[in-house]
Amino acid sequence: MSQLRKMPHLTRRQVLAGLLVSTAGSAMAGAPATSIFPQYRPRKIRLDAAGSVDDLIAAADLGGKIGFVVADAATGEILESRNPLLALPPASVAKAVTTLYGLEALGPGHRFATRVLITGPLVNGRVEGDLYLVGGGDPTLDTDALGELAKRLKAAGVREISGKARVWADALPYQRSIDSDQPEYLGYNPSLSGLNLNFNRVFFEWKRQKDGFEVTMDARALKYRPRVAMSTMTVVDRTAPIFDLTSTASTDEWTVASRALGKRGGRWLPVRRPEFYASEVFHTIARAHGIDLPGFTAARNLPGGTVVAEWQSEPLQDILRGMLKYSTNLIAEAVGLSASQARGRSPATLSASGRMMGDWVTSAGAAKHAKFVDHSGLGDASRMSASDMVRVLVRAGWNGQLHDLMKDIPFHDDDGKRLKNPPVNVQAKTGTLNFVSALAGYAQSSGGRRLVFAIFAADMPRRDALPKSQRERPRGGRAWNGRAKDLQQKLLERWALVFDAA
């Protein structure tokens, strides 16, 4: 008894880790001929050590509703579930479906192109006609890419034009925002068009001075940092709202509350007229390269002409890998809309294109009931069950492209330190909204068992009660999200232990 009292306190994760090690090494240990303890089967030992799902959910104290499914990756056999048919917001886990949707319609090698087109001959450096900056829907175009496009235009011999400079951005239908229920100033809720730059965000920077604030708005990238005039900022003496926006046909006019600003800082703000943002930046850089262009005006029709310079994006599969890693909303929406167009339809809104994606995944037999209002998961009206998400993952396959594009999910100990040797290796997509958390993907236990899983949790009454002004950082949201992620890890640890052996 005295030895038992001296034993140190062990955390649940230490117990699980020890059981995994002892189970693996039991065949090598010398066992006594008889035992005074009852002989339990290995699965019973694992179940006892893993604890109950009810206890894990109760400890998370999330409220709302939770649904999950874990299945064998090869056969699709459901190994454990809770509310498997409950439809909840998938949040950014929807991007995993968008990835498959885009790859099938466009192909992994698809590249988006941004072009410069001229409508007349080029004579001694002068275009005898108009010049068009033509967007191709590239969601990854940045200022440095426009700088390279301007260099190529110069290399083609263009120095000036006799006609007008036009910008065409109708390759994708214009969307003022991804989700209208989000605050206007959130950088992850930008506008979308056929010509997008810097994820349609402008960088607002401020510095307090004796007589007020020095503010700048620029389109910074690694190499270029041009100032922007179409998006302006005025500091005003008020407490709230922090930001306010008035948009005209070609400009964004921001105001910010002075009392919300510290001594200095900066943040990305969305652009609501992306074609004028991109064309202004191109105009500035082109002039820096010695190309004299007039100001750009919008074109609704694209004439015939000659392409004299072009910039192409990385292949789609590389774009999607970055999208899944950083959960970039604009990439998801541009890819989803482009995929819908490639299927012979021309949806005018994200919700219409989202319905097409839902119909696609359902008609393919990969889901029974899936509803999408966009392709990024930012809109909380999208719905998917854990059962449907697991079915999608099984159909995509362990050796499929989706698995290879997903990011590794880290595990942490009870002190928050990252585990070097977690009990399960996970490639998955995370999803987070206020009081909504999701995780879905592929997992392999230390014993080699391959699993697919989906975990959805949402407290919709608490989310719906949030006023729009509090949706960036609501009270209690960070703590709730932390508990949700901890529950996800504990469920994965449980499954790695319980289902480690086939």
Protein backbone atom coordinates (compact mmCIF):
# COMPACT_ATOMS: atom_id res chain seq x y z
CA MET A 1 0.00 0.00 0.00
CA SER A 2 2.81 2.44 0.81
CA GLN A 3 4.27 2.00 -2.69
CA LEU A 4 0.90 2.83 -4.26
CA ARG A 5 0.66 6.03 -2.26
CA LYS A 6 4.07 7.13 -3.53
CA MET A 7 3.14 6.71 -7.19
CA PRO A 8 3.00 10.06 -9.09
CA HIS A 9 -0.30 11.32 -10.51
CA LEU A 10 -0.66 10.31 -14.16
CA THR A 11 -2.65 12.25 -16.69
CA ARG A 12 -5.14 10.52 -18.96
CA ARG A 13 -2.85 10.97 -21.95
CA GLN A 14 0.09 9.42 -20.07
CA VAL A 15 -2.08 6.41 -19.26
CA LEU A 16 -3.12 6.06 -22.92
CA ALA A 17 0.47 6.36 -24.11
CA GLY A 18 1.60 3.76 -21.60
CA LEU A 19 -1.10 1.34 -22.63
CA LEU A 20 -0.16 1.72 -26.29
CA VAL A 21 3.46 0.91 -25.46
CA SER A 22 2.66 -1.96 -23.12
CA THR A 23 0.23 -3.51 -25.56
CA ALA A 24 2.80 -3.42 -28.34
CA GLY A 25 5.47 -4.98 -26.17
CA SER A 26 3.41 -7.61 -24.35
CA ALA A 27 4.45 -10.39 -26.70
CA MET A 28 8.07 -9.95 -25.64
CA ALA A 29 7.46 -10.04 -21.88
CA GLY A 30 7.73 -13.19 -19.80
CA ALA A 31 4.32 -13.93 -18.22
CA PRO A 32 3.81 -15.91 -15.01
CA ALA A 33 2.24 -19.36 -15.29
CA THR A 34 -0.77 -18.22 -13.30
CA SER A 35 -2.22 -14.85 -12.46
CA ILE A 36 -4.19 -13.64 -9.47
CA PHE A 37 -5.91 -11.02 -11.68
CA PRO A 38 -8.84 -11.68 -14.03
CA GLN A 39 -7.82 -12.09 -17.66
CA TYR A 40 -9.38 -9.37 -19.83
CA ARG A 41 -9.43 -9.39 -23.60
CA PRO A 42 -7.26 -6.68 -25.22
CA ARG A 43 -10.27 -4.78 -26.66
CA LYS A 44 -11.88 -4.61 -23.22
CA ILE A 45 -8.66 -3.17 -21.81
CA ARG A 46 -8.56 -0.54 -24.54
CA LEU A 47 -12.20 0.43 -24.02
CA ASP A 48 -11.70 0.80 -20.28
CA ALA A 49 -8.58 2.94 -20.76
CA ALA A 50 -10.19 5.13 -23.40
CA GLY A 51 -13.12 6.12 -21.24
CA SER A 52 -16.62 6.80 -22.44
CA VAL A 53 -17.69 9.19 -25.17
CA ASP A 54 -20.30 10.61 -22.82
CA ASP A 55 -17.62 11.57 -20.32
CA LEU A 56 -15.49 13.26 -23.00
CA ILE A 57 -18.43 15.28 -24.32
CA ALA A 58 -19.58 16.24 -20.83
CA ALA A 59 -16.06 17.42 -19.93
CA ALA A 60 -15.91 19.61 -23.05
CA ASP A 61 -19.02 21.49 -21.89
CA LEU A 62 -19.79 22.88 -25.34
CA GLY A 63 -23.55 22.98 -25.20
CA GLY A 64 -25.34 22.89 -28.53
CA LYS A 65 -25.07 19.73 -30.60
CA ILE A 66 -22.30 17.32 -31.55
CA GLY A 67 -22.13 14.72 -34.28
CA PHE A 68 -19.25 12.46 -35.26
CA VAL A 69 -18.42 9.32 -37.21
CA VAL A 70 -15.24 7.28 -37.38
CA ALA A 71 -14.97 4.53 -39.97
CA ASP A 72 -12.50 2.10 -41.48
CA ALA A 73 -10.79 3.90 -44.36
CA ALA A 74 -10.79 0.88 -46.67
CA THR A 75 -14.28 -0.53 -46.16
CA GLY A 76 -16.24 2.44 -44.86
CA GLU A 77 -17.48 0.34 -41.92
CA ILE A 78 -18.64 2.69 -39.16
CA LEU A 79 -16.74 1.92 -35.98
CA GLU A 80 -18.25 4.52 -33.67
CA SER A 81 -20.68 7.40 -34.07
CA ARG A 82 -22.77 9.98 -32.26
CA ASN A 83 -25.66 11.68 -34.07
CA PRO A 84 -24.22 10.57 -37.44
CA LEU A 85 -27.12 12.00 -39.48
CA LEU A 86 -27.31 15.33 -37.67
CA ALA A 87 -26.78 18.13 -40.20
CA LEU A 88 -24.57 20.92 -38.80
CA PRO A 89 -22.52 23.76 -40.33
CA PRO A 90 -19.30 22.25 -41.71
CA ALA A 91 -17.49 25.61 -41.52
CA SER A 92 -14.21 25.42 -43.47
CA VAL A 93 -14.41 21.63 -43.70
CA ALA A 94 -16.58 22.51 -46.72
CA LYS A 95 -13.30 23.39 -48.47
CA ALA A 96 -12.48 19.67 -48.61
CA VAL A 97 -15.60 19.14 -50.75
CA THR A 98 -14.70 22.21 -52.81
CA THR A 99 -11.27 20.69 -53.42
CA LEU A 100 -12.78 17.56 -54.94
CA TYR A 101 -15.34 19.61 -56.86
CA GLY A 102 -12.63 21.79 -58.38
CA LEU A 103 -10.23 18.97 -59.17
CA GLU A 104 -12.87 16.98 -61.05
CA ALA A 105 -14.16 19.92 -63.09
CA LEU A 106 -10.92 21.79 -63.80
CA GLY A 107 -8.18 19.18 -63.40
CA PRO A 108 -5.14 19.31 -61.08
CA GLY A 109 -2.99 21.06 -63.68
CA HIS A 110 -5.41 23.91 -64.37
CA ARG A 111 -3.86 27.39 -64.25
CA PHE A 112 -5.64 30.71 -64.02
CA ALA A 113 -4.39 33.36 -66.44
CA THR A 114 -4.29 37.15 -66.21
CA ARG A 115 -3.64 38.81 -69.57
CA VAL A 116 -3.01 42.11 -71.27
CA LEU A 117 -4.79 42.40 -74.61
CA ILE A 118 -4.49 45.14 -77.26
CA THR A 119 -7.05 45.90 -79.95
CA GLY A 120 -4.75 47.53 -82.51
CA PRO A 121 -1.29 47.14 -83.96
CA LEU A 122 1.87 47.96 -82.00
CA VAL A 123 3.91 50.51 -83.91
CA ASN A 124 7.20 51.81 -82.51
CA GLY A 125 6.10 51.13 -78.92
CA ARG A 126 2.66 52.69 -79.38
CA VAL A 127 -0.55 50.64 -79.39
CA GLU A 128 -2.87 52.02 -82.04
CA GLY A 129 -5.99 51.09 -80.14
CA ASP A 130 -7.16 50.18 -76.65
CA LEU A 131 -5.43 48.10 -73.98
CA TYR A 132 -7.31 45.66 -71.73
CA LEU A 133 -6.26 44.18 -68.38
CA VAL A 134 -8.16 40.88 -68.46
CA GLY A 135 -8.83 38.90 -65.30
CA GLY A 136 -9.17 35.15 -65.46
CA GLY A 137 -10.46 34.54 -61.96
CA ASP A 138 -7.02 33.89 -60.42
CA PRO A 139 -7.53 33.90 -56.63
CA THR A 140 -3.77 33.96 -55.93
CA LEU A 141 -2.78 37.01 -57.99
CA ASP A 142 -0.69 39.43 -55.94
CA THR A 143 1.08 42.73 -56.49
CA ASP A 144 4.37 41.06 -57.35
CA ALA A 145 2.62 39.04 -60.06
CA LEU A 146 1.21 42.26 -61.53
CA GLY A 147 4.77 43.62 -61.42
CA GLU A 148 5.94 40.68 -63.49
CA LEU A 149 3.03 41.17 -65.90
CA ALA A 150 4.08 44.81 -66.36
CA LYS A 151 7.66 43.71 -67.05
CA ARG A 152 6.40 41.31 -69.72
CA LEU A 153 4.31 44.06 -71.26
CA LYS A 154 7.41 46.22 -71.45
CA ALA A 155 9.39 43.32 -72.94
CA ALA A 156 6.69 43.02 -75.63
CA GLY A 157 7.55 46.57 -76.68
CA VAL A 158 4.55 48.48 -75.32
CA ARG A 159 5.33 52.02 -74.14
CA GLU A 160 2.06 53.89 -74.68
CA ILE A 161 -1.40 53.56 -76.21
CA SER A 162 -3.49 55.83 -78.41
CA GLY A 163 -6.81 54.59 -77.07
CA LYS A 164 -8.29 53.80 -73.68
CA ALA A 165 -7.16 51.51 -70.86
CA ARG A 166 -9.90 49.10 -69.88
CA VAL A 167 -10.24 46.48 -67.14
CA TRP A 168 -12.40 43.39 -67.64
CA ALA A 169 -13.35 41.39 -64.55
CA ASP A 170 -16.41 39.40 -65.63
CA ALA A 171 -14.73 36.00 -65.88
CA LEU A 172 -16.44 35.36 -62.53
CA PRO A 173 -19.65 37.07 -61.35
CA TYR A 174 -19.03 39.94 -58.94
CA GLN A 175 -19.87 39.26 -55.30
CA ARG A 176 -19.74 42.17 -52.86
CA SER A 177 -18.89 39.80 -50.01
CA ILE A 178 -18.83 36.10 -49.27
CA ASP A 179 -21.21 36.31 -46.30
CA SER A 180 -23.32 39.42 -45.80
CA ASP A 181 -23.91 38.54 -42.14
CA GLN A 182 -20.25 39.19 -41.31
CA PRO A 183 -18.92 42.62 -40.27
CA GLU A 184 -17.96 44.81 -43.23
CA TYR A 185 -14.32 45.25 -42.22
CA LEU A 186 -13.25 41.60 -41.89
CA GLY A 187 -10.41 40.77 -44.28
CA TYR A 188 -11.47 37.13 -44.59
CA ASN A 189 -14.84 38.23 -46.02
CA PRO A 190 -13.73 40.14 -49.15
CA SER A 191 -15.42 40.82 -52.45
CA LEU A 192 -14.90 38.52 -55.42
CA SER A 193 -14.69 39.08 -59.17
CA GLY A 194 -12.89 37.84 -62.22
CA LEU A 195 -9.90 40.03 -61.27
CA ASN A 196 -8.72 39.61 -57.69
CA LEU A 197 -5.58 41.03 -56.07
CA ASN A 198 -3.96 40.21 -52.74
CA PHE A 199 -7.05 38.19 -51.80
CA ASN A 200 -8.92 41.47 -52.41
CA ARG A 201 -7.45 43.11 -49.35
CA VAL A 202 -5.67 46.42 -48.87
CA PHE A 203 -3.25 47.09 -46.01
CA PHE A 204 -4.20 49.90 -43.64
CA GLU A 205 -1.29 51.19 -41.54
CA TRP A 206 -1.30 53.98 -38.97
CA LYS A 207 1.11 55.86 -36.76
CA ARG A 208 0.13 58.32 -34.06
CA GLN A 209 1.76 61.75 -34.32
CA LYS A 210 1.51 64.95 -32.26
CA ASP A 211 -1.16 66.45 -34.49
CA GLY A 212 -3.11 63.28 -35.28
CA PHE A 213 -2.43 60.11 -37.25
CA GLU A 214 -0.41 59.33 -40.33
CA VAL A 215 -2.31 56.70 -42.31
CA THR A 216 -1.50 54.79 -45.49
CA MET A 217 -3.35 52.31 -47.67
CA ASP A 218 -1.15 50.10 -49.82
CA ALA A 219 -1.09 46.92 -51.87
CA ARG A 220 2.02 45.44 -50.36
CA ALA A 221 3.68 42.21 -51.43
CA LEU A 222 7.24 40.95 -51.02
CA LYS A 223 8.76 43.15 -53.74
CA TYR A 224 6.29 45.94 -54.47
CA ARG A 225 4.38 48.20 -52.07
CA PRO A 226 2.41 50.74 -54.13
CA ARG A 227 0.13 53.23 -52.41
CA VAL A 228 -3.56 52.94 -53.26
CA ALA A 229 -5.93 55.87 -53.91
CA MET A 230 -9.17 54.02 -54.64
CA SER A 231 -9.33 52.89 -50.98
CA THR A 232 -9.04 55.77 -48.51
CA MET A 233 -9.02 56.03 -44.72
CA THR A 234 -10.04 58.91 -42.45
CA VAL A 235 -9.53 58.83 -38.68
CA VAL A 236 -12.54 60.29 -36.84
CA ASP A 237 -13.20 61.09 -33.20
CA ARG A 238 -15.71 58.47 -32.11
CA THR A 239 -15.92 55.33 -30.00
CA ALA A 240 -18.03 53.13 -32.25
CA PRO A 241 -18.29 51.72 -34.77
CA ILE A 242 -14.60 50.98 -35.11
CA PHE A 243 -14.80 50.97 -38.93
CA ASP A 244 -17.36 52.35 -41.33
CA LEU A 245 -17.36 52.07 -45.12
CA THR A 246 -18.98 54.01 -47.93
CA SER A 247 -18.43 52.53 -51.39
CA THR A 248 -19.00 54.30 -54.68
CA ALA A 249 -18.89 52.76 -58.12
CA SER A 250 -15.09 52.77 -58.09
CA THR A 251 -13.87 53.71 -54.59
CA ASP A 252 -13.94 52.54 -50.96
CA GLU A 253 -14.05 55.34 -48.41
CA TRP A 254 -13.27 54.10 -44.90
CA THR A 255 -13.42 55.85 -41.55
CA VAL A 256 -11.96 54.48 -38.32
CA ALA A 257 -12.56 55.43 -34.69
CA SER A 258 -9.49 57.18 -33.29
CA ARG A 259 -10.08 55.72 -29.85
CA ALA A 260 -9.63 52.20 -31.23
CA LEU A 261 -6.12 52.93 -32.53
CA GLY A 262 -2.95 52.54 -30.51
CA LYS A 263 0.35 54.30 -31.18
CA ARG A 264 0.93 52.38 -34.38
CA GLY A 265 -0.25 49.26 -36.16
CA GLY A 266 -1.77 47.82 -39.29
CA ARG A 267 -4.36 45.35 -40.56
CA TRP A 268 -5.76 44.07 -43.83
CA LEU A 269 -9.15 45.41 -44.85
CA PRO A 270 -11.37 44.04 -47.62
CA VAL A 271 -11.67 45.71 -51.01
CA ARG A 272 -15.20 46.07 -52.37
CA ARG A 273 -14.29 47.14 -55.94
CA PRO A 274 -11.55 44.66 -56.76
CA GLU A 275 -11.26 45.43 -60.49
CA PHE A 276 -10.43 49.08 -59.79
CA TYR A 277 -8.03 48.09 -57.03
CA ALA A 278 -6.12 45.72 -59.32
CA SER A 279 -6.13 48.07 -62.32
CA GLU A 280 -4.88 51.01 -60.23
CA VAL A 281 -2.00 48.92 -58.87
CA PHE A 282 -1.17 47.71 -62.38
CA HIS A 283 -1.30 51.29 -63.68
CA THR A 284 1.15 52.42 -60.96
CA ILE A 285 3.62 49.61 -61.58
CA ALA A 286 3.38 49.94 -65.39
CA ARG A 287 4.28 53.62 -65.16
CA ALA A 288 7.24 52.69 -62.94
CA HIS A 289 8.39 50.46 -65.82
CA GLY A 290 8.11 53.32 -68.31
CA ILE A 291 4.73 52.42 -69.77
CA ASP A 292 2.47 55.48 -70.09
CA LEU A 293 -1.14 54.43 -69.61
CA PRO A 294 -4.28 56.48 -68.94
CA GLY A 295 -6.49 55.60 -65.99
CA PHE A 296 -8.46 52.38 -66.34
CA THR A 297 -12.20 52.24 -66.81
CA ALA A 298 -14.44 49.19 -66.55
CA ALA A 299 -15.34 47.14 -69.62
CA ARG A 300 -18.42 44.94 -69.71
CA ASN A 301 -17.56 43.31 -73.03
CA LEU A 302 -14.28 41.75 -74.05
CA PRO A 303 -13.35 42.47 -77.68
CA GLY A 304 -11.11 40.45 -79.90
CA GLY A 305 -7.47 41.40 -79.93
CA THR A 306 -3.91 40.27 -79.40
CA VAL A 307 -2.55 39.02 -76.08
CA VAL A 308 0.80 40.73 -75.55
CA ALA A 309 1.53 39.71 -71.95
CA GLU A 310 0.28 36.98 -69.64
CA TRP A 311 0.71 35.78 -66.06
CA GLN A 312 -0.30 32.25 -65.07
CA SER A 313 -1.00 30.94 -61.59
CA GLU A 314 0.49 27.83 -60.06
CA PRO A 315 -1.29 24.55 -60.92
CA LEU A 316 -4.64 24.08 -59.23
CA GLN A 317 -3.44 21.23 -57.03
CA ASP A 318 -0.80 23.52 -55.51
CA ILE A 319 -3.34 26.31 -55.05
CA LEU A 320 -5.66 23.90 -53.27
CA ARG A 321 -2.89 22.66 -50.99
CA GLY A 322 -2.35 26.23 -49.86
CA MET A 323 -6.09 26.78 -49.51
CA LEU A 324 -6.47 23.75 -47.23
CA LYS A 325 -3.45 24.78 -45.17
CA TYR A 326 -4.38 28.43 -44.66
CA SER A 327 -8.16 28.06 -45.15
CA THR A 328 -8.31 30.94 -47.63
CA ASN A 329 -11.94 31.80 -48.30
CA LEU A 330 -11.42 33.70 -51.55
CA ILE A 331 -9.56 30.76 -53.13
CA ALA A 332 -12.39 28.41 -52.23
CA GLU A 333 -15.04 30.68 -53.74
CA ALA A 334 -13.08 31.37 -56.95
CA VAL A 335 -12.34 27.68 -57.46
CA GLY A 336 -15.94 26.70 -56.71
CA LEU A 337 -17.41 29.25 -59.12
CA SER A 338 -14.89 28.29 -61.81
CA ALA A 339 -15.76 24.61 -61.35
CA SER A 340 -19.47 25.35 -61.70
CA GLN A 341 -18.79 27.27 -64.90
CA ALA A 342 -16.69 24.40 -66.24
CA ARG A 343 -19.74 22.17 -65.80
CA GLY A 344 -21.60 24.29 -68.34
CA ARG A 345 -23.55 26.49 -65.95
CA SER A 346 -23.13 30.16 -65.11
CA PRO A 347 -24.35 30.69 -61.55
CA ALA A 348 -24.64 34.38 -60.70
CA THR A 349 -24.27 33.97 -56.94
CA LEU A 350 -22.24 31.93 -54.48
CA SER A 351 -25.40 30.35 -53.12
CA ALA A 352 -26.41 29.14 -56.59
CA SER A 353 -22.95 27.71 -57.17
CA GLY A 354 -22.99 26.17 -53.68
CA ARG A 355 -26.26 24.40 -54.54
CA MET A 356 -24.59 23.00 -57.66
CA MET A 357 -21.77 21.61 -55.51
CA GLY A 358 -24.30 20.08 -53.12
CA ASP A 359 -26.16 18.48 -56.02
CA TRP A 360 -22.86 17.17 -57.41
CA VAL A 361 -21.73 15.50 -54.20
CA THR A 362 -25.19 14.04 -53.65
CA SER A 363 -25.69 12.74 -57.19
CA ALA A 364 -22.26 11.12 -57.06
CA GLY A 365 -23.47 9.01 -54.15
CA ALA A 366 -20.88 10.51 -51.82
CA ALA A 367 -23.53 12.18 -49.65
CA LYS A 368 -27.24 11.85 -49.03
CA HIS A 369 -28.06 15.32 -47.78
CA ALA A 370 -25.56 18.14 -48.28
CA LYS A 371 -26.45 21.82 -48.51
CA PHE A 372 -23.93 24.53 -49.34
CA VAL A 373 -24.53 28.28 -49.54
CA ASP A 374 -20.95 28.93 -50.67
CA HIS A 375 -17.70 27.04 -51.24
CA SER A 376 -15.67 28.24 -48.25
CA GLY A 377 -17.98 27.37 -45.38
CA LEU A 378 -18.08 30.97 -44.18
CA GLY A 379 -21.86 31.07 -44.42
CA ASP A 380 -23.37 29.26 -41.44
CA ALA A 381 -26.47 28.16 -43.37
CA SER A 382 -24.51 25.34 -45.04
CA ARG A 383 -25.30 21.93 -43.59
CA MET A 384 -23.64 18.52 -43.68
CA SER A 385 -23.76 15.44 -41.47
CA ALA A 386 -20.73 13.61 -40.13
CA SER A 387 -21.95 10.50 -41.93
CA ASP A 388 -22.02 12.30 -45.29
CA MET A 389 -18.57 13.80 -44.73
CA VAL A 390 -17.09 10.41 -43.91
CA ARG A 391 -18.71 8.96 -47.01
CA VAL A 392 -17.03 11.69 -49.08
CA LEU A 393 -13.65 10.89 -47.51
CA VAL A 394 -14.03 7.16 -48.13
CA ARG A 395 -14.96 7.81 -51.77
CA ALA A 396 -11.95 10.12 -52.18
CA GLY A 397 -9.72 7.30 -50.94
CA TRP A 398 -6.72 6.98 -48.67
CA ASN A 399 -4.39 7.26 -51.64
CA GLY A 400 -6.42 9.96 -53.36
CA GLN A 401 -5.52 13.57 -54.02
CA LEU A 402 -7.53 14.97 -51.12
CA HIS A 403 -5.50 13.02 -48.55
CA ASP A 404 -2.25 14.22 -50.09
CA LEU A 405 -3.38 17.86 -50.09
CA MET A 406 -4.58 17.97 -46.48
CA LYS A 407 -2.34 19.32 -43.73
CA ASP A 408 -0.96 17.48 -40.73
CA ILE A 409 -2.89 18.17 -37.52
CA PRO A 410 -0.65 18.62 -34.45
CA PHE A 411 -1.39 17.09 -31.05
CA HIS A 412 -0.60 18.73 -27.71
CA ASP A 413 -0.06 17.52 -24.17
CA ASP A 414 -1.99 18.76 -21.15
CA ASP A 415 0.36 21.75 -20.85
CA GLY A 416 -0.23 22.82 -24.45
CA LYS A 417 3.14 21.62 -25.77
CA ARG A 418 3.18 19.92 -29.15
CA LEU A 419 3.67 16.16 -28.98
CA LYS A 420 6.63 14.88 -30.97
CA ASN A 421 5.23 11.35 -31.22
CA PRO A 422 1.42 11.54 -31.10
CA PRO A 423 -0.57 8.29 -30.79
CA VAL A 424 -2.20 8.97 -34.16
CA ASN A 425 -1.12 10.75 -37.36
CA VAL A 426 -3.85 12.93 -38.80
CA GLN A 427 -4.27 14.69 -42.15
CA ALA A 428 -7.45 16.73 -42.03
CA LYS A 429 -9.28 20.00 -42.61
CA THR A 430 -10.26 22.19 -39.72
CA GLY A 431 -13.31 24.43 -39.61
CA THR A 432 -14.00 27.28 -37.22
CA LEU A 433 -16.78 29.84 -36.90
CA ASN A 434 -18.00 31.52 -33.74
CA PHE A 435 -19.33 28.63 -31.62
CA VAL A 436 -18.92 26.21 -34.54
CA SER A 437 -16.00 23.80 -34.79
CA ALA A 438 -15.35 20.96 -37.23
CA LEU A 439 -12.56 18.55 -38.13
CA ALA A 440 -12.61 15.87 -40.81
CA GLY A 441 -9.99 13.78 -42.54
CA TYR A 442 -7.76 10.75 -42.34
CA ALA A 443 -6.03 9.19 -39.32
CA GLN A 444 -3.55 6.36 -38.88
CA SER A 445 -2.93 4.82 -35.47
CA SER A 446 0.49 3.81 -34.21
CA GLY A 447 -0.41 0.21 -35.04
CA GLY A 448 -1.19 1.11 -38.65
CA ARG A 449 -4.99 1.14 -38.57
CA ARG A 450 -6.34 3.57 -41.18
CA LEU A 451 -9.42 5.55 -40.26
CA VAL A 452 -11.58 8.31 -41.71
CA PHE A 453 -13.53 10.61 -39.42
CA ALA A 454 -15.67 13.72 -39.15
CA ILE A 455 -16.43 15.68 -35.97
CA PHE A 456 -18.96 18.53 -36.06
CA ALA A 457 -19.96 20.68 -33.09
CA ALA A 458 -22.14 23.79 -33.02
CA ASP A 459 -24.00 25.90 -30.47
CA MET A 460 -26.26 27.68 -32.94
CA PRO A 461 -28.51 29.44 -30.40
CA ARG A 462 -25.43 31.04 -28.86
CA ARG A 463 -24.06 31.94 -32.29
CA ASP A 464 -27.37 33.34 -33.52
CA ALA A 465 -27.64 35.54 -30.45
CA LEU A 466 -24.44 37.42 -31.33
CA PRO A 467 -24.94 40.95 -32.64
CA LYS A 468 -23.11 41.63 -35.88
CA SER A 469 -20.68 43.99 -34.15
CA GLN A 470 -19.37 41.17 -31.92
CA ARG A 471 -18.76 38.52 -34.55
CA GLU A 472 -15.03 39.09 -34.91
CA ARG A 473 -14.09 38.22 -31.31
CA PRO A 474 -17.19 37.33 -29.29
CA ARG A 475 -16.97 36.91 -25.54
CA GLY A 476 -16.35 33.26 -24.70
CA GLY A 477 -15.68 32.31 -28.31
CA ARG A 478 -11.97 31.60 -27.93
CA ALA A 479 -12.48 29.42 -24.84
CA TRP A 480 -15.30 27.51 -26.53
CA ASN A 481 -13.15 26.87 -29.58
CA GLY A 482 -10.30 25.65 -27.38
CA ARG A 483 -12.56 23.14 -25.63
CA ALA A 484 -13.91 21.96 -28.99
CA LYS A 485 -10.41 21.33 -30.31
CA ASP A 486 -9.48 19.50 -27.12
CA LEU A 487 -12.52 17.26 -27.55
CA GLN A 488 -11.47 16.52 -31.13
CA GLN A 489 -8.01 15.47 -29.97
CA LYS A 490 -9.39 13.29 -27.18
CA LEU A 491 -11.78 11.54 -29.57
CA LEU A 492 -8.93 10.86 -31.99
CA GLU A 493 -6.77 9.54 -29.14
CA ARG A 494 -9.66 7.32 -28.10
CA TRP A 495 -10.12 5.94 -31.59
CA ALA A 496 -6.38 5.36 -32.03
CA LEU A 497 -6.47 3.25 -28.87
CA VAL A 498 -9.76 1.42 -29.24
CA PHE A 499 -9.50 0.67 -32.95
CA ASP A 500 -5.74 0.27 -33.22
CA ALA A 501 -6.10 -3.45 -33.95
CA ALA A 502 -8.37 -4.52 -36.75
